[in-house]
Amino acid sequence: MQLSQAPIRRVILVEDDNLTRKILGERLTQEGFDVRVVASASEAEKICRIFDPDAVVLDVDLGPGPSGFDLADSLLISSPGVAILFLTHLPDARFGGRSSQALPQGVGYLNKNKLVDGQSLF
């Protein structure tokens, strides 16, 4: 009898910084995730419709246009089961214009400056 493998988890990484996007995308792929990387909230919304991610890792500050908070709000309406992790340089949500209590329930918030290596994500 052959044991079936667990399904590969699909992750979208939304990061506007090219180097960070490349390094994190590679690291998530090495960990066995099926990863799509994008640089903006609008790109992420498009890819979410066709890729149906299990999780989204996103920065809060995505440059001009919708923020990571805006994207998370939208995703939790269109895909309520998606896991969301904010990975940002902002010390806490207040610096992005939200109180910690205003974050959607169940999302993670991780400060990039507290990461010491790639294992900290897992």
PDB file of N, CA and C in Angstrom:
ATOM      1  N   MET A   1       0.836  -1.166   0.000  1.00  0.00           N
ATOM      2  CA  MET A   1       0.000   0.000   0.000  1.00  0.00           C
ATOM      3  C   MET A   1       0.893   1.245   0.000  1.00  0.00           C
ATOM      4  N   GLN A   2       0.615   2.147  -0.906  1.00  0.00           N
ATOM      5  CA  GLN A   2       1.395   3.365  -1.014  1.00  0.00           C
ATOM      6  C   GLN A   2       0.740   4.475  -0.189  1.00  0.00           C
ATOM      7  N   LEU A   3       1.565   5.129   0.616  1.00  0.00           N
ATOM      8  CA  LEU A   3       1.066   6.249   1.403  1.00  0.00           C
ATOM      9  C   LEU A   3       0.944   7.479   0.513  1.00  0.00           C
ATOM     10  N   SER A   4      -0.156   8.182   0.657  1.00  0.00           N
ATOM     11  CA  SER A   4      -0.311   9.396  -0.137  1.00  0.00           C
ATOM     12  C   SER A   4       0.390  10.550   0.568  1.00  0.00           C
ATOM     13  N   GLN A   5       0.960  11.421  -0.217  1.00  0.00           N
ATOM     14  CA  GLN A   5       1.642  12.577   0.331  1.00  0.00           C
ATOM     15  C   GLN A   5       0.626  13.673   0.611  1.00  0.00           C
ATOM     16  N   ALA A   6       0.958  14.494   1.585  1.00  0.00           N
ATOM     17  CA  ALA A   6       0.112  15.652   1.874  1.00  0.00           C
ATOM     18  C   ALA A   6       0.143  16.580   0.663  1.00  0.00           C
ATOM     19  N   PRO A   7      -0.960  17.241   0.395  1.00  0.00           N
ATOM     20  CA  PRO A   7      -0.967  18.154  -0.751  1.00  0.00           C
ATOM     21  C   PRO A   7       0.020  19.304  -0.538  1.00  0.00           C
ATOM     22  N   ILE A   8       0.594  19.761  -1.617  1.00  0.00           N
ATOM     23  CA  ILE A   8       1.515  20.889  -1.538  1.00  0.00           C
ATOM     24  C   ILE A   8       0.701  22.147  -1.265  1.00  0.00           C
ATOM     25  N   ARG A   9       1.130  22.911  -0.297  1.00  0.00           N
ATOM     26  CA  ARG A   9       0.450  24.149   0.072  1.00  0.00           C
ATOM     27  C   ARG A   9       0.849  25.266  -0.887  1.00  0.00           C
ATOM     28  N   ARG A  10      -0.142  26.054  -1.296  1.00  0.00           N
ATOM     29  CA  ARG A  10       0.070  27.161  -2.219  1.00  0.00           C
ATOM     30  C   ARG A  10       0.171  28.476  -1.441  1.00  0.00           C
ATOM     31  N   VAL A  11       1.228  29.237  -1.744  1.00  0.00           N
ATOM     32  CA  VAL A  11       1.490  30.493  -1.045  1.00  0.00           C
ATOM     33  C   VAL A  11       1.744  31.601  -2.061  1.00  0.00           C
ATOM     34  N   ILE A  12       1.146  32.754  -1.787  1.00  0.00           N
ATOM     35  CA  ILE A  12       1.472  33.950  -2.559  1.00  0.00           C
ATOM     36  C   ILE A  12       2.285  34.868  -1.662  1.00  0.00           C
ATOM     37  N   LEU A  13       3.404  35.320  -2.172  1.00  0.00           N
ATOM     38  CA  LEU A  13       4.258  36.270  -1.471  1.00  0.00           C
ATOM     39  C   LEU A  13       4.077  37.626  -2.143  1.00  0.00           C
ATOM     40  N   VAL A  14       3.663  38.625  -1.364  1.00  0.00           N
ATOM     41  CA  VAL A  14       3.432  39.969  -1.883  1.00  0.00           C
ATOM     42  C   VAL A  14       4.442  40.901  -1.223  1.00  0.00           C
ATOM     43  N   GLU A  15       5.435  41.313  -1.985  1.00  0.00           N
ATOM     44  CA  GLU A  15       6.543  42.108  -1.444  1.00  0.00           C
ATOM     45  C   GLU A  15       7.036  43.039  -2.540  1.00  0.00           C
ATOM     46  N   ASP A  16       7.117  44.329  -2.246  1.00  0.00           N
ATOM     47  CA  ASP A  16       7.543  45.287  -3.269  1.00  0.00           C
ATOM     48  C   ASP A  16       9.058  45.400  -3.401  1.00  0.00           C
ATOM     49  N   ASP A  17       9.812  44.937  -2.428  1.00  0.00           N
ATOM     50  CA  ASP A  17      11.268  44.996  -2.501  1.00  0.00           C
ATOM     51  C   ASP A  17      11.785  43.787  -3.286  1.00  0.00           C
ATOM     52  N   ASN A  18      12.495  44.062  -4.390  1.00  0.00           N
ATOM     53  CA  ASN A  18      12.946  42.992  -5.288  1.00  0.00           C
ATOM     54  C   ASN A  18      13.798  41.937  -4.592  1.00  0.00           C
ATOM     55  N   LEU A  19      14.800  42.361  -3.824  1.00  0.00           N
ATOM     56  CA  LEU A  19      15.706  41.411  -3.177  1.00  0.00           C
ATOM     57  C   LEU A  19      14.961  40.569  -2.145  1.00  0.00           C
ATOM     58  N   THR A  20      14.161  41.208  -1.317  1.00  0.00           N
ATOM     59  CA  THR A  20      13.402  40.479  -0.298  1.00  0.00           C
ATOM     60  C   THR A  20      12.445  39.497  -0.949  1.00  0.00           C
ATOM     61  N   ARG A  21      11.785  39.931  -2.011  1.00  0.00           N
ATOM     62  CA  ARG A  21      10.842  39.060  -2.726  1.00  0.00           C
ATOM     63  C   ARG A  21      11.562  37.834  -3.284  1.00  0.00           C
ATOM     64  N   LYS A  22      12.732  38.045  -3.876  1.00  0.00           N
ATOM     65  CA  LYS A  22      13.485  36.934  -4.455  1.00  0.00           C
ATOM     66  C   LYS A  22      13.947  35.948  -3.382  1.00  0.00           C
ATOM     67  N   ILE A  23      14.541  36.464  -2.313  1.00  0.00           N
ATOM     68  CA  ILE A  23      15.083  35.597  -1.262  1.00  0.00           C
ATOM     69  C   ILE A  23      13.961  34.819  -0.569  1.00  0.00           C
ATOM     70  N   LEU A  24      12.885  35.508  -0.185  1.00  0.00           N
ATOM     71  CA  LEU A  24      11.782  34.822   0.499  1.00  0.00           C
ATOM     72  C   LEU A  24      11.076  33.831  -0.420  1.00  0.00           C
ATOM     73  N   GLY A  25      10.909  34.202  -1.670  1.00  0.00           N
ATOM     74  CA  GLY A  25      10.284  33.282  -2.622  1.00  0.00           C
ATOM     75  C   GLY A  25      11.088  31.999  -2.767  1.00  0.00           C
ATOM     76  N   GLU A  26      12.406  32.147  -2.872  1.00  0.00           N
ATOM     77  CA  GLU A  26      13.276  30.972  -2.982  1.00  0.00           C
ATOM     78  C   GLU A  26      13.216  30.128  -1.717  1.00  0.00           C
ATOM     79  N   ARG A  27      13.211  30.787  -0.575  1.00  0.00           N
ATOM     80  CA  ARG A  27      13.182  30.060   0.710  1.00  0.00           C
ATOM     81  C   ARG A  27      11.872  29.277   0.874  1.00  0.00           C
ATOM     82  N   LEU A  28      10.751  29.903   0.544  1.00  0.00           N
ATOM     83  CA  LEU A  28       9.467  29.208   0.637  1.00  0.00           C
ATOM     84  C   LEU A  28       9.416  28.013  -0.318  1.00  0.00           C
ATOM     85  N   THR A  29       9.975  28.179  -1.511  1.00  0.00           N
ATOM     86  CA  THR A  29      10.023  27.079  -2.474  1.00  0.00           C
ATOM     87  C   THR A  29      10.881  25.939  -1.942  1.00  0.00           C
ATOM     88  N   GLN A  30      12.032  26.270  -1.339  1.00  0.00           N
ATOM     89  CA  GLN A  30      12.905  25.250  -0.756  1.00  0.00           C
ATOM     90  C   GLN A  30      12.196  24.471   0.348  1.00  0.00           C
ATOM     91  N   GLU A  31      11.280  25.117   1.031  1.00  0.00           N
ATOM     92  CA  GLU A  31      10.537  24.460   2.106  1.00  0.00           C
ATOM     93  C   GLU A  31       9.379  23.611   1.577  1.00  0.00           C
ATOM     94  N   GLY A  32       9.211  23.576   0.257  1.00  0.00           N
ATOM     95  CA  GLY A  32       8.220  22.692  -0.332  1.00  0.00           C
ATOM     96  C   GLY A  32       6.888  23.335  -0.697  1.00  0.00           C
ATOM     97  N   PHE A  33       6.800  24.657  -0.614  1.00  0.00           N
ATOM     98  CA  PHE A  33       5.562  25.345  -0.983  1.00  0.00           C
ATOM     99  C   PHE A  33       5.533  25.615  -2.484  1.00  0.00           C
ATOM    100  N   ASP A  34       4.337  25.645  -3.052  1.00  0.00           N
ATOM    101  CA  ASP A  34       4.122  26.099  -4.418  1.00  0.00           C
ATOM    102  C   ASP A  34       3.908  27.601  -4.305  1.00  0.00           C
ATOM    103  N   VAL A  35       4.871  28.394  -4.768  1.00  0.00           N
ATOM    104  CA  VAL A  35       4.903  29.825  -4.479  1.00  0.00           C
ATOM    105  C   VAL A  35       4.713  30.650  -5.744  1.00  0.00           C
ATOM    106  N   ARG A  36       3.943  31.714  -5.602  1.00  0.00           N
ATOM    107  CA  ARG A  36       3.837  32.761  -6.620  1.00  0.00           C
ATOM    108  C   ARG A  36       4.278  34.043  -5.941  1.00  0.00           C
ATOM    109  N   VAL A  37       5.125  34.819  -6.600  1.00  0.00           N
ATOM    110  CA  VAL A  37       5.601  36.070  -6.027  1.00  0.00           C
ATOM    111  C   VAL A  37       5.106  37.233  -6.874  1.00  0.00           C
ATOM    112  N   VAL A  38       4.630  38.261  -6.190  1.00  0.00           N
ATOM    113  CA  VAL A  38       4.146  39.464  -6.863  1.00  0.00           C
ATOM    114  C   VAL A  38       4.600  40.685  -6.070  1.00  0.00           C
ATOM    115  N   ALA A  39       4.549  41.848  -6.732  1.00  0.00           N
ATOM    116  CA  ALA A  39       5.067  43.063  -6.118  1.00  0.00           C
ATOM    117  C   ALA A  39       3.998  44.029  -5.630  1.00  0.00           C
ATOM    118  N   SER A  40       2.727  43.761  -5.938  1.00  0.00           N
ATOM    119  CA  SER A  40       1.694  44.726  -5.555  1.00  0.00           C
ATOM    120  C   SER A  40       0.395  44.032  -5.163  1.00  0.00           C
ATOM    121  N   ALA A  41      -0.458  44.790  -4.492  1.00  0.00           N
ATOM    122  CA  ALA A  41      -1.767  44.267  -4.085  1.00  0.00           C
ATOM    123  C   ALA A  41      -2.619  43.947  -5.302  1.00  0.00           C
ATOM    124  N   SER A  42      -2.565  44.787  -6.324  1.00  0.00           N
ATOM    125  CA  SER A  42      -3.389  44.532  -7.512  1.00  0.00           C
ATOM    126  C   SER A  42      -2.947  43.255  -8.225  1.00  0.00           C
ATOM    127  N   GLU A  43      -1.643  43.017  -8.314  1.00  0.00           N
ATOM    128  CA  GLU A  43      -1.150  41.761  -8.895  1.00  0.00           C
ATOM    129  C   GLU A  43      -1.604  40.572  -8.053  1.00  0.00           C
ATOM    130  N   ALA A  44      -1.543  40.724  -6.747  1.00  0.00           N
ATOM    131  CA  ALA A  44      -1.929  39.639  -5.848  1.00  0.00           C
ATOM    132  C   ALA A  44      -3.403  39.286  -6.009  1.00  0.00           C
ATOM    133  N   GLU A  45      -4.262  40.275  -6.130  1.00  0.00           N
ATOM    134  CA  GLU A  45      -5.691  39.999  -6.302  1.00  0.00           C
ATOM    135  C   GLU A  45      -5.943  39.214  -7.579  1.00  0.00           C
ATOM    136  N   LYS A  46      -5.235  39.565  -8.654  1.00  0.00           N
ATOM    137  CA  LYS A  46      -5.392  38.846  -9.928  1.00  0.00           C
ATOM    138  C   LYS A  46      -4.948  37.387  -9.787  1.00  0.00           C
ATOM    139  N   ILE A  47      -3.774  37.176  -9.209  1.00  0.00           N
ATOM    140  CA  ILE A  47      -3.234  35.824  -9.106  1.00  0.00           C
ATOM    141  C   ILE A  47      -4.041  34.982  -8.123  1.00  0.00           C
ATOM    142  N   CYS A  48      -4.615  35.600  -7.094  1.00  0.00           N
ATOM    143  CA  CYS A  48      -5.424  34.858  -6.119  1.00  0.00           C
ATOM    144  C   CYS A  48      -6.628  34.201  -6.781  1.00  0.00           C
ATOM    145  N   ARG A  49      -7.203  34.885  -7.746  1.00  0.00           N
ATOM    146  CA  ARG A  49      -8.392  34.336  -8.415  1.00  0.00           C
ATOM    147  C   ARG A  49      -8.089  33.050  -9.188  1.00  0.00           C
ATOM    148  N   ILE A  50      -6.881  32.930  -9.723  1.00  0.00           N
ATOM    149  CA  ILE A  50      -6.560  31.730 -10.499  1.00  0.00           C
ATOM    150  C   ILE A  50      -5.715  30.716  -9.733  1.00  0.00           C
ATOM    151  N   PHE A  51      -4.994  31.156  -8.714  1.00  0.00           N
ATOM    152  CA  PHE A  51      -4.066  30.287  -7.989  1.00  0.00           C
ATOM    153  C   PHE A  51      -4.677  29.690  -6.726  1.00  0.00           C
ATOM    154  N   ASP A  52      -5.681  30.328  -6.141  1.00  0.00           N
ATOM    155  CA  ASP A  52      -6.380  29.857  -4.940  1.00  0.00           C
ATOM    156  C   ASP A  52      -5.394  29.458  -3.834  1.00  0.00           C
ATOM    157  N   PRO A  53      -4.709  30.448  -3.239  1.00  0.00           N
ATOM    158  CA  PRO A  53      -3.669  30.137  -2.251  1.00  0.00           C
ATOM    159  C   PRO A  53      -4.236  29.639  -0.929  1.00  0.00           C
ATOM    160  N   ASP A  54      -3.415  28.866  -0.237  1.00  0.00           N
ATOM    161  CA  ASP A  54      -3.716  28.464   1.132  1.00  0.00           C
ATOM    162  C   ASP A  54      -3.285  29.568   2.100  1.00  0.00           C
ATOM    163  N   ALA A  55      -2.245  30.312   1.705  1.00  0.00           N
ATOM    164  CA  ALA A  55      -1.707  31.369   2.562  1.00  0.00           C
ATOM    165  C   ALA A  55      -1.158  32.503   1.711  1.00  0.00           C
ATOM    166  N   VAL A  56      -1.142  33.688   2.318  1.00  0.00           N
ATOM    167  CA  VAL A  56      -0.557  34.867   1.688  1.00  0.00           C
ATOM    168  C   VAL A  56       0.381  35.513   2.703  1.00  0.00           C
ATOM    169  N   VAL A  57       1.621  35.714   2.291  1.00  0.00           N
ATOM    170  CA  VAL A  57       2.610  36.414   3.096  1.00  0.00           C
ATOM    171  C   VAL A  57       2.778  37.773   2.444  1.00  0.00           C
ATOM    172  N   LEU A  58       2.507  38.841   3.208  1.00  0.00           N
ATOM    173  CA  LEU A  58       2.539  40.147   2.569  1.00  0.00           C
ATOM    174  C   LEU A  58       3.121  41.231   3.446  1.00  0.00           C
ATOM    175  N   ASP A  59       3.709  42.184   2.757  1.00  0.00           N
ATOM    176  CA  ASP A  59       4.222  43.381   3.403  1.00  0.00           C
ATOM    177  C   ASP A  59       3.049  44.327   3.620  1.00  0.00           C
ATOM    178  N   VAL A  60       3.159  45.210   4.582  1.00  0.00           N
ATOM    179  CA  VAL A  60       2.118  46.222   4.804  1.00  0.00           C
ATOM    180  C   VAL A  60       2.292  47.357   3.813  1.00  0.00           C
ATOM    181  N   ASP A  61       3.514  47.862   3.693  1.00  0.00           N
ATOM    182  CA  ASP A  61       3.801  48.986   2.806  1.00  0.00           C
ATOM    183  C   ASP A  61       4.215  48.442   1.444  1.00  0.00           C
ATOM    184  N   LEU A  62       3.297  48.544   0.477  1.00  0.00           N
ATOM    185  CA  LEU A  62       3.555  48.027  -0.864  1.00  0.00           C
ATOM    186  C   LEU A  62       3.765  49.135  -1.886  1.00  0.00           C
ATOM    187  N   GLY A  63       4.123  50.327  -1.415  1.00  0.00           N
ATOM    188  CA  GLY A  63       4.336  51.444  -2.325  1.00  0.00           C
ATOM    189  C   GLY A  63       3.012  52.050  -2.749  1.00  0.00           C
ATOM    190  N   PRO A  64       2.987  52.720  -3.914  1.00  0.00           N
ATOM    191  CA  PRO A  64       1.746  53.353  -4.377  1.00  0.00           C
ATOM    192  C   PRO A  64       0.634  52.321  -4.584  1.00  0.00           C
ATOM    193  N   GLY A  65      -0.572  52.714  -4.252  1.00  0.00           N
ATOM    194  CA  GLY A  65      -1.710  51.813  -4.410  1.00  0.00           C
ATOM    195  C   GLY A  65      -2.137  51.218  -3.088  1.00  0.00           C
ATOM    196  N   PRO A  66      -2.956  50.176  -3.153  1.00  0.00           N
ATOM    197  CA  PRO A  66      -3.472  49.554  -1.925  1.00  0.00           C
ATOM    198  C   PRO A  66      -2.345  48.998  -1.052  1.00  0.00           C
ATOM    199  N   SER A  67      -2.549  49.070   0.247  1.00  0.00           N
ATOM    200  CA  SER A  67      -1.564  48.542   1.201  1.00  0.00           C
ATOM    201  C   SER A  67      -1.815  47.052   1.438  1.00  0.00           C
ATOM    202  N   GLY A  68      -0.925  46.456   2.185  1.00  0.00           N
ATOM    203  CA  GLY A  68      -1.125  45.062   2.581  1.00  0.00           C
ATOM    204  C   GLY A  68      -2.370  44.894   3.428  1.00  0.00           C
ATOM    205  N   PHE A  69      -2.675  45.882   4.262  1.00  0.00           N
ATOM    206  CA  PHE A  69      -3.907  45.832   5.056  1.00  0.00           C
ATOM    207  C   PHE A  69      -5.137  45.810   4.149  1.00  0.00           C
ATOM    208  N   ASP A  70      -5.123  46.667   3.115  1.00  0.00           N
ATOM    209  CA  ASP A  70      -6.248  46.713   2.170  1.00  0.00           C
ATOM    210  C   ASP A  70      -6.408  45.356   1.480  1.00  0.00           C
ATOM    211  N   LEU A  71      -5.290  44.782   1.054  1.00  0.00           N
ATOM    212  CA  LEU A  71      -5.334  43.486   0.389  1.00  0.00           C
ATOM    213  C   LEU A  71      -5.872  42.413   1.326  1.00  0.00           C
ATOM    214  N   ALA A  72      -5.408  42.394   2.559  1.00  0.00           N
ATOM    215  CA  ALA A  72      -5.871  41.391   3.523  1.00  0.00           C
ATOM    216  C   ALA A  72      -7.374  41.503   3.743  1.00  0.00           C
ATOM    217  N   ASP A  73      -7.879  42.725   3.883  1.00  0.00           N
ATOM    218  CA  ASP A  73      -9.318  42.923   4.059  1.00  0.00           C
ATOM    219  C   ASP A  73     -10.091  42.322   2.888  1.00  0.00           C
ATOM    220  N   SER A  74      -9.618  42.594   1.686  1.00  0.00           N
ATOM    221  CA  SER A  74     -10.271  42.086   0.477  1.00  0.00           C
ATOM    222  C   SER A  74     -10.206  40.562   0.397  1.00  0.00           C
ATOM    223  N   LEU A  75      -9.037  40.006   0.691  1.00  0.00           N
ATOM    224  CA  LEU A  75      -8.861  38.552   0.615  1.00  0.00           C
ATOM    225  C   LEU A  75      -9.722  37.822   1.630  1.00  0.00           C
ATOM    226  N   LEU A  76      -9.855  38.383   2.815  1.00  0.00           N
ATOM    227  CA  LEU A  76     -10.647  37.706   3.838  1.00  0.00           C
ATOM    228  C   LEU A  76     -12.141  37.714   3.506  1.00  0.00           C
ATOM    229  N   ILE A  77     -12.559  38.600   2.622  1.00  0.00           N
ATOM    230  CA  ILE A  77     -13.938  38.583   2.142  1.00  0.00           C
ATOM    231  C   ILE A  77     -14.085  37.568   1.012  1.00  0.00           C
ATOM    232  N   SER A  78     -13.160  37.618   0.036  1.00  0.00           N
ATOM    233  CA  SER A  78     -13.272  36.733  -1.132  1.00  0.00           C
ATOM    234  C   SER A  78     -12.804  35.306  -0.846  1.00  0.00           C
ATOM    235  N   SER A  79     -11.873  35.132   0.077  1.00  0.00           N
ATOM    236  CA  SER A  79     -11.310  33.814   0.417  1.00  0.00           C
ATOM    237  C   SER A  79     -11.167  33.702   1.926  1.00  0.00           C
ATOM    238  N   PRO A  80     -12.267  33.543   2.645  1.00  0.00           N
ATOM    239  CA  PRO A  80     -12.222  33.591   4.110  1.00  0.00           C
ATOM    240  C   PRO A  80     -11.320  32.539   4.760  1.00  0.00           C
ATOM    241  N   GLY A  81     -10.984  31.479   4.069  1.00  0.00           N
ATOM    242  CA  GLY A  81     -10.147  30.437   4.664  1.00  0.00           C
ATOM    243  C   GLY A  81      -8.656  30.647   4.478  1.00  0.00           C
ATOM    244  N   VAL A  82      -8.257  31.689   3.770  1.00  0.00           N
ATOM    245  CA  VAL A  82      -6.836  31.896   3.499  1.00  0.00           C
ATOM    246  C   VAL A  82      -6.118  32.378   4.762  1.00  0.00           C
ATOM    247  N   ALA A  83      -4.932  31.817   5.001  1.00  0.00           N
ATOM    248  CA  ALA A  83      -4.094  32.253   6.127  1.00  0.00           C
ATOM    249  C   ALA A  83      -3.283  33.465   5.678  1.00  0.00           C
ATOM    250  N   ILE A  84      -3.162  34.449   6.566  1.00  0.00           N
ATOM    251  CA  ILE A  84      -2.439  35.676   6.215  1.00  0.00           C
ATOM    252  C   ILE A  84      -1.362  35.946   7.252  1.00  0.00           C
ATOM    253  N   LEU A  85      -0.156  36.228   6.740  1.00  0.00           N
ATOM    254  CA  LEU A  85       0.960  36.637   7.584  1.00  0.00           C
ATOM    255  C   LEU A  85       1.496  37.951   7.050  1.00  0.00           C
ATOM    256  N   PHE A  86       1.455  38.995   7.873  1.00  0.00           N
ATOM    257  CA  PHE A  86       2.100  40.254   7.527  1.00  0.00           C
ATOM    258  C   PHE A  86       3.564  40.119   7.900  1.00  0.00           C
ATOM    259  N   LEU A  87       4.433  40.375   6.946  1.00  0.00           N
ATOM    260  CA  LEU A  87       5.876  40.358   7.166  1.00  0.00           C
ATOM    261  C   LEU A  87       6.367  41.733   6.755  1.00  0.00           C
ATOM    262  N   THR A  88       6.678  42.573   7.731  1.00  0.00           N
ATOM    263  CA  THR A  88       6.906  43.981   7.453  1.00  0.00           C
ATOM    264  C   THR A  88       8.008  44.566   8.316  1.00  0.00           C
ATOM    265  N   HIS A  89       8.534  45.682   7.883  1.00  0.00           N
ATOM    266  CA  HIS A  89       9.536  46.394   8.685  1.00  0.00           C
ATOM    267  C   HIS A  89       8.887  47.272   9.750  1.00  0.00           C
ATOM    268  N   LEU A  90       7.569  47.475   9.678  1.00  0.00           N
ATOM    269  CA  LEU A  90       6.875  48.322  10.646  1.00  0.00           C
ATOM    270  C   LEU A  90       6.823  47.624  12.008  1.00  0.00           C
ATOM    271  N   PRO A  91       7.202  48.319  13.082  1.00  0.00           N
ATOM    272  CA  PRO A  91       7.250  47.687  14.409  1.00  0.00           C
ATOM    273  C   PRO A  91       5.910  47.101  14.856  1.00  0.00           C
ATOM    274  N   ASP A  92       4.829  47.789  14.543  1.00  0.00           N
ATOM    275  CA  ASP A  92       3.503  47.232  14.802  1.00  0.00           C
ATOM    276  C   ASP A  92       2.503  47.911  13.874  1.00  0.00           C
ATOM    277  N   ALA A  93       1.274  47.451  13.907  1.00  0.00           N
ATOM    278  CA  ALA A  93       0.262  47.880  12.946  1.00  0.00           C
ATOM    279  C   ALA A  93      -0.041  49.371  13.017  1.00  0.00           C
ATOM    280  N   ARG A  94       0.155  49.986  14.168  1.00  0.00           N
ATOM    281  CA  ARG A  94      -0.129  51.431  14.295  1.00  0.00           C
ATOM    282  C   ARG A  94       0.680  52.258  13.319  1.00  0.00           C
ATOM    283  N   PHE A  95       1.906  51.810  12.997  1.00  0.00           N
ATOM    284  CA  PHE A  95       2.755  52.551  12.076  1.00  0.00           C
ATOM    285  C   PHE A  95       2.262  52.449  10.636  1.00  0.00           C
ATOM    286  N   GLY A  96       1.355  51.537  10.374  1.00  0.00           N
ATOM    287  CA  GLY A  96       0.734  51.402   9.062  1.00  0.00           C
ATOM    288  C   GLY A  96      -0.669  51.968   9.032  1.00  0.00           C
ATOM    289  N   GLY A  97      -1.053  52.649  10.108  1.00  0.00           N
ATOM    290  CA  GLY A  97      -2.361  53.287  10.136  1.00  0.00           C
ATOM    291  C   GLY A  97      -3.470  52.456  10.747  1.00  0.00           C
ATOM    292  N   ARG A  98      -3.139  51.355  11.396  1.00  0.00           N
ATOM    293  CA  ARG A  98      -4.131  50.500  12.049  1.00  0.00           C
ATOM    294  C   ARG A  98      -3.712  50.211  13.482  1.00  0.00           C
ATOM    295  N   SER A  99      -4.682  50.037  14.335  1.00  0.00           N
ATOM    296  CA  SER A  99      -4.340  49.581  15.681  1.00  0.00           C
ATOM    297  C   SER A  99      -4.210  48.064  15.635  1.00  0.00           C
ATOM    298  N   SER A 100      -3.509  47.509  16.575  1.00  0.00           N
ATOM    299  CA  SER A 100      -3.366  46.049  16.627  1.00  0.00           C
ATOM    300  C   SER A 100      -4.720  45.372  16.771  1.00  0.00           C
ATOM    301  N   GLN A 101      -5.658  46.038  17.451  1.00  0.00           N
ATOM    302  CA  GLN A 101      -7.000  45.478  17.634  1.00  0.00           C
ATOM    303  C   GLN A 101      -7.809  45.516  16.338  1.00  0.00           C
ATOM    304  N   ALA A 102      -7.404  46.362  15.377  1.00  0.00           N
ATOM    305  CA  ALA A 102      -8.138  46.476  14.116  1.00  0.00           C
ATOM    306  C   ALA A 102      -7.661  45.480  13.070  1.00  0.00           C
ATOM    307  N   LEU A 103      -6.641  44.700  13.383  1.00  0.00           N
ATOM    308  CA  LEU A 103      -6.192  43.679  12.439  1.00  0.00           C
ATOM    309  C   LEU A 103      -7.234  42.568  12.384  1.00  0.00           C
ATOM    310  N   PRO A 104      -7.402  41.974  11.226  1.00  0.00           N
ATOM    311  CA  PRO A 104      -8.345  40.852  11.142  1.00  0.00           C
ATOM    312  C   PRO A 104      -7.941  39.738  12.110  1.00  0.00           C
ATOM    313  N   GLN A 105      -8.912  39.103  12.685  1.00  0.00           N
ATOM    314  CA  GLN A 105      -8.643  38.032  13.639  1.00  0.00           C
ATOM    315  C   GLN A 105      -7.931  36.871  12.962  1.00  0.00           C
ATOM    316  N   GLY A 106      -6.936  36.342  13.643  1.00  0.00           N
ATOM    317  CA  GLY A 106      -6.242  35.159  13.157  1.00  0.00           C
ATOM    318  C   GLY A 106      -5.072  35.424  12.227  1.00  0.00           C
ATOM    319  N   VAL A 107      -4.813  36.688  11.875  1.00  0.00           N
ATOM    320  CA  VAL A 107      -3.659  36.952  11.021  1.00  0.00           C
ATOM    321  C   VAL A 107      -2.404  37.036  11.866  1.00  0.00           C
ATOM    322  N   GLY A 108      -1.271  36.752  11.239  1.00  0.00           N
ATOM    323  CA  GLY A 108       0.004  36.886  11.921  1.00  0.00           C
ATOM    324  C   GLY A 108       0.663  38.202  11.560  1.00  0.00           C
ATOM    325  N   TYR A 109       1.491  38.702  12.445  1.00  0.00           N
ATOM    326  CA  TYR A 109       2.212  39.963  12.200  1.00  0.00           C
ATOM    327  C   TYR A 109       3.639  39.751  12.671  1.00  0.00           C
ATOM    328  N   LEU A 110       4.579  39.784  11.745  1.00  0.00           N
ATOM    329  CA  LEU A 110       5.978  39.509  12.057  1.00  0.00           C
ATOM    330  C   LEU A 110       6.844  40.651  11.546  1.00  0.00           C
ATOM    331  N   ASN A 111       7.676  41.182  12.411  1.00  0.00           N
ATOM    332  CA  ASN A 111       8.568  42.270  12.051  1.00  0.00           C
ATOM    333  C   ASN A 111       9.810  41.690  11.380  1.00  0.00           C
ATOM    334  N   LYS A 112      10.116  42.151  10.166  1.00  0.00           N
ATOM    335  CA  LYS A 112      11.283  41.664   9.426  1.00  0.00           C
ATOM    336  C   LYS A 112      12.570  41.847  10.213  1.00  0.00           C
ATOM    337  N   ASN A 113      12.641  42.929  10.979  1.00  0.00           N
ATOM    338  CA  ASN A 113      13.860  43.211  11.739  1.00  0.00           C
ATOM    339  C   ASN A 113      14.116  42.190  12.841  1.00  0.00           C
ATOM    340  N   LYS A 114      13.120  41.408  13.202  1.00  0.00           N
ATOM    341  CA  LYS A 114      13.284  40.404  14.254  1.00  0.00           C
ATOM    342  C   LYS A 114      13.696  39.041  13.685  1.00  0.00           C
ATOM    343  N   LEU A 115      13.713  38.923  12.368  1.00  0.00           N
ATOM    344  CA  LEU A 115      14.137  37.669  11.745  1.00  0.00           C
ATOM    345  C   LEU A 115      15.656  37.574  11.800  1.00  0.00           C
ATOM    346  N   VAL A 116      16.140  36.444  12.236  1.00  0.00           N
ATOM    347  CA  VAL A 116      17.576  36.242  12.277  1.00  0.00           C
ATOM    348  C   VAL A 116      18.054  35.305  11.171  1.00  0.00           C
ATOM    349  N   ASP A 117      17.117  34.477  10.679  1.00  0.00           N
ATOM    350  CA  ASP A 117      17.434  33.577   9.579  1.00  0.00           C
ATOM    351  C   ASP A 117      16.129  33.091   8.966  1.00  0.00           C
ATOM    352  N   GLY A 118      16.213  32.348   7.891  1.00  0.00           N
ATOM    353  CA  GLY A 118      15.019  31.847   7.204  1.00  0.00           C
ATOM    354  C   GLY A 118      14.190  30.899   8.042  1.00  0.00           C
ATOM    355  N   GLN A 119      14.806  30.220   8.990  1.00  0.00           N
ATOM    356  CA  GLN A 119      14.070  29.274   9.836  1.00  0.00           C
ATOM    357  C   GLN A 119      13.050  29.973  10.717  1.00  0.00           C
ATOM    358  N   SER A 120      13.248  31.263  10.983  1.00  0.00           N
ATOM    359  CA  SER A 120      12.324  32.002  11.844  1.00  0.00           C
ATOM    360  C   SER A 120      10.917  32.047  11.270  1.00  0.00           C
ATOM    361  N   LEU A 121      10.786  31.862   9.979  1.00  0.00           N
ATOM    362  CA  LEU A 121       9.472  31.866   9.337  1.00  0.00           C
ATOM    363  C   LEU A 121       8.721  30.556   9.555  1.00  0.00           C
ATOM    364  N   PHE A 122       9.433  29.503   9.856  1.00  0.00           N
ATOM    365  CA  PHE A 122       8.816  28.178   9.915  1.00  0.00           C
ATOM    366  C   PHE A 122       8.888  27.690  11.313  1.00  0.00           C
TER     367      PHE A 122
END
